[in-house]
Structures are given as structure tokens and as C-alpha cells.
Amino acid sequence: MDAPADATATVATLSSLPSEILLSIVDLYLESLDPSDHEFRQKQLTKLCRVCPNLRNAIEGCSKYWTTISSALRTETLMLAYLARSAG
């Protein structure tokens, strides 16, 4: 279906979406991953945090993503970051 000639297209960027929508997208992505591979899931969360500041703030502010700590987090700094984020 074609848009009317006088219609203006609206483009939503990641920075314009509310946190609830961003987190729904993250949830859908994480559901597609192997739930038993915690290390890989944590790496993917870290990569998603690098996409844009709005996505990073949404992910870091959602405690449910930081409740499982993998032995892959070998530095004290990472462990402390996960613990702080899991507090919600």
C-alpha cells in the first residue's frame, strides 16, 4: 500500500525510542540465543551497550540482565560492575 503523496515519512532512531521499546528489542534478541551459554550472552550485552548511549543506559539500568555472573568475568572491575547493575 502506497502512502499518500502528501504524507511525511517519520524515521525513528534508536536514540528516539523509549527504554521500554529498546528493552523489548533486547529481550527478543537474547531469547534467540542459547540460554545455557551465559558467557556468550554477557558478551552480546556488552556489544549492545556500545551501539548508542540510549541503548547502553537502558541495558545498564535493567537489573535482570546482570543477575548471572559468568566465570569469564575475570577482573574485579567487571564483577563489581555486574553486582552494581544487578541491584536495580
Protein backbone atom coordinates (compact mmCIF):
# COMPACT_ATOMS: atom_id res chain seq x y z
CA MET A 1 0.00 0.00 0.00
CA ASP A 2 1.49 3.31 -1.08
CA ALA A 3 1.48 6.33 1.18
CA PRO A 4 -0.44 9.39 0.06
CA ALA A 5 1.65 11.91 -1.89
CA ASP A 6 1.37 14.50 0.88
CA ALA A 7 2.38 12.10 3.68
CA THR A 8 5.62 12.79 5.51
CA ALA A 9 7.78 9.83 6.44
CA THR A 10 8.86 9.59 10.04
CA VAL A 11 12.03 7.74 10.88
CA ALA A 12 12.64 6.54 14.42
CA THR A 13 16.24 6.27 15.51
CA LEU A 14 17.47 4.26 18.47
CA SER A 15 18.09 7.47 20.35
CA SER A 16 14.46 8.48 19.94
CA LEU A 17 12.90 5.24 21.19
CA PRO A 18 11.78 4.89 24.80
CA SER A 19 13.66 2.49 27.06
CA GLU A 20 10.70 0.09 27.18
CA ILE A 21 10.85 -0.44 23.41
CA LEU A 22 14.63 -0.80 23.41
CA LEU A 23 14.48 -3.39 26.18
CA SER A 24 11.79 -5.32 24.31
CA ILE A 25 14.13 -5.48 21.32
CA VAL A 26 17.00 -6.64 23.54
CA ASP A 27 14.74 -9.30 25.09
CA LEU A 28 13.77 -10.64 21.66
CA TYR A 29 17.41 -10.82 20.66
CA LEU A 30 18.50 -12.55 23.87
CA GLU A 31 15.67 -15.09 23.54
CA SER A 32 17.17 -16.16 20.22
CA LEU A 33 20.46 -17.09 21.92
CA ASP A 34 21.33 -20.32 23.69
CA PRO A 35 20.15 -19.72 27.28
CA SER A 36 22.81 -22.03 28.71
CA ASP A 37 25.72 -20.07 27.20
CA HIS A 38 25.94 -17.31 29.81
CA GLU A 39 29.37 -16.13 28.70
CA PHE A 40 28.18 -15.53 25.11
CA ARG A 41 25.04 -13.75 26.31
CA GLN A 42 27.14 -11.44 28.50
CA LYS A 43 29.41 -10.65 25.56
CA GLN A 44 26.39 -9.81 23.43
CA LEU A 45 25.03 -7.48 26.12
CA THR A 46 28.40 -5.74 26.22
CA LYS A 47 28.35 -5.32 22.45
CA LEU A 48 24.81 -3.96 22.52
CA CYS A 49 25.89 -1.38 25.10
CA ARG A 50 28.28 0.02 22.51
CA VAL A 51 25.58 0.71 19.91
CA CYS A 52 24.41 4.06 21.28
CA PRO A 53 24.19 5.84 24.64
CA ASN A 54 20.40 5.43 24.86
CA LEU A 55 20.63 1.66 24.41
CA ARG A 56 23.52 1.46 26.86
CA ASN A 57 21.61 3.37 29.54
CA ALA A 58 18.54 1.18 29.05
CA ILE A 59 20.51 -2.07 29.28
CA GLU A 60 22.70 -0.99 32.19
CA GLY A 61 19.64 0.25 34.07
CA CYS A 62 17.78 -3.07 33.75
CA SER A 63 18.89 -5.31 36.60
CA LYS A 64 17.57 -8.54 35.05
CA TYR A 65 20.42 -8.54 32.52
CA TRP A 66 23.08 -8.50 35.22
CA THR A 67 21.91 -11.21 37.63
CA THR A 68 24.02 -14.04 36.17
CA ILE A 69 27.75 -13.69 36.56
CA SER A 70 29.99 -15.88 34.44
CA SER A 71 33.45 -17.05 35.41
CA ALA A 72 34.54 -15.30 32.19
CA LEU A 73 34.46 -12.04 34.16
CA ARG A 74 37.98 -12.35 35.36
CA THR A 75 38.55 -8.83 36.56
CA GLU A 76 37.34 -7.35 39.80
CA THR A 77 36.15 -4.24 37.94
CA LEU A 78 33.77 -6.27 35.76
CA MET A 79 32.49 -8.26 38.72
CA LEU A 80 31.77 -5.08 40.66
CA ALA A 81 30.02 -3.53 37.66
CA TYR A 82 27.74 -6.56 37.30
CA LEU A 83 26.98 -6.56 41.02
CA ALA A 84 26.10 -2.87 40.98
CA ARG A 85 23.87 -3.23 37.91
CA SER A 86 22.08 -6.27 39.32
CA ALA A 87 20.88 -4.25 42.31
CA GLY A 88 18.39 -2.39 40.10
